Amino acid sequence: EIRPCPAPAMRSLLVLVLGAAADPPGRLSAPAPQAADAAPGIPALRESPPGGGPVHGSLLALVLGAAADPPGRLSAPAPQLSGIPRESPPSGGPVDGGKIGPVVGAADPPRRLLSARAPPQCTEDQETVVASLGAGMVCGSTWENLRGVMRPTQPAVGYAYVETRRKDIYATKRKARDWLGSHEVPAVFGPEGKLFVLDRMTEMAALELTGNNRNLWTGMDVRVSLVDDLRNYTTQDDFWAEMKQRHYVSLLAPGKTALYQMVPIDPAALPSTWVLGKGGFQDDAWRSLAAFARTQADHGSRCYVKTCRPFQDFQWAYLFHDSVAGLATNLWASQADLLTFEFKLADQAYPSELTRIHTNDWKALGESLSAHLCHE
């Protein structure tokens, strides 16, 4: 669920993550705001990493548009909810003494109990959203009806993590019902009766991947939280301009073959379906690695805790990319550790082949990143 973030600490994420020139190495960074449902009393100060300033041209700088980015570079502000200053750092920093950011609670925040009352239907059929719905409402419909009216707002997911979520959430009908009944998919009401999803895209891609096995597409509802209504922006140009202005879309895509290549795209290149592959999502290995770094069974070993910001996982994915692609290698304690990770990463097929994904190998790589970059 996406909720408003707390008051900002008025520092860019890059200052907290990489240590900008205004925050010399060794000094304590400004405290990161805690999420409204984070555990109280958790310290929010952590030293900047050795080496200091943001790396010009890094993917993280490209996405977040740091103040230190040279004028004229292609920059995009940090994705976040409307009305929240972009200088706000995420409250989900590395866990327990992280090298690259503030400390947050080691445990996941408590999950909000959803109402047992069935919400109104989102759709009239497989092509039409109920017109009377608006921002602030929650609705529900089967995936069979939603999959045609919901649109992704990111070009890629991590295939390895999608496969993991498919096994974790949709292995049985009971597991699927429990997860879908306790989570909401945040979306923006857009033109032409479409809902543009801001989060949970991995889980929806995993649901699509089940192929209606055990009637998961038709036998239970997906809850949708309508966080904004942009139906008044009737032209595609105006709509996507507003989506970018409100940071509701992520427009960096993986290169077709190169593991260390990310390219800006136009909104027209976003997926039009929820499948993995042609016409749908590309594979982003770094998104998988970020997820596995975040979701370890041992809470104290997790790299960061996900909070209220859309695309937060991608911010960490880009940081991991930069740490290996030669743009922020100073985050590694030793060159030997970096080379060992690179060799293991090179052993994985990329882009991933769905029938040959070794999820345990990808999980181990994500845990390795967390151990080397997020903890002392």
Foldseek 3Di string as FASTA:
>chain_A
DFDDADAAQQAAQQCFFANAPVGDFPHKDGFAGAGPQFDPPAGRIATHAPPHHAFAPFVLCQECVDPPHDPPRNHARAFFAPPHDSRGHDNWFFDDRFNGHTHTDLDAGDFDQDDPDAFAAQAPALQAGDPPDFAQGKHKDFLSSQQQQEFEQEQAAALLVLVVLLCQQVVDPVSVQVVQNRDAFEWEQAASRHTYTQDPLSVSLSVVVCVCVVPRRPPDMHMYHHHHYHHVQHDPVSVVVVCSVRSRHDFWAADPFDLLDIDGDDSVSHANGSYEDPSHHDHNLLLLLLVLLADDPRSNLRTTHDHNGGPPSVSNSSVVSCCQVVRNVSLFPDPVLSVVLVVLVVVADPPHDNVDDPSVSSSVSSSSCSVGRTHD
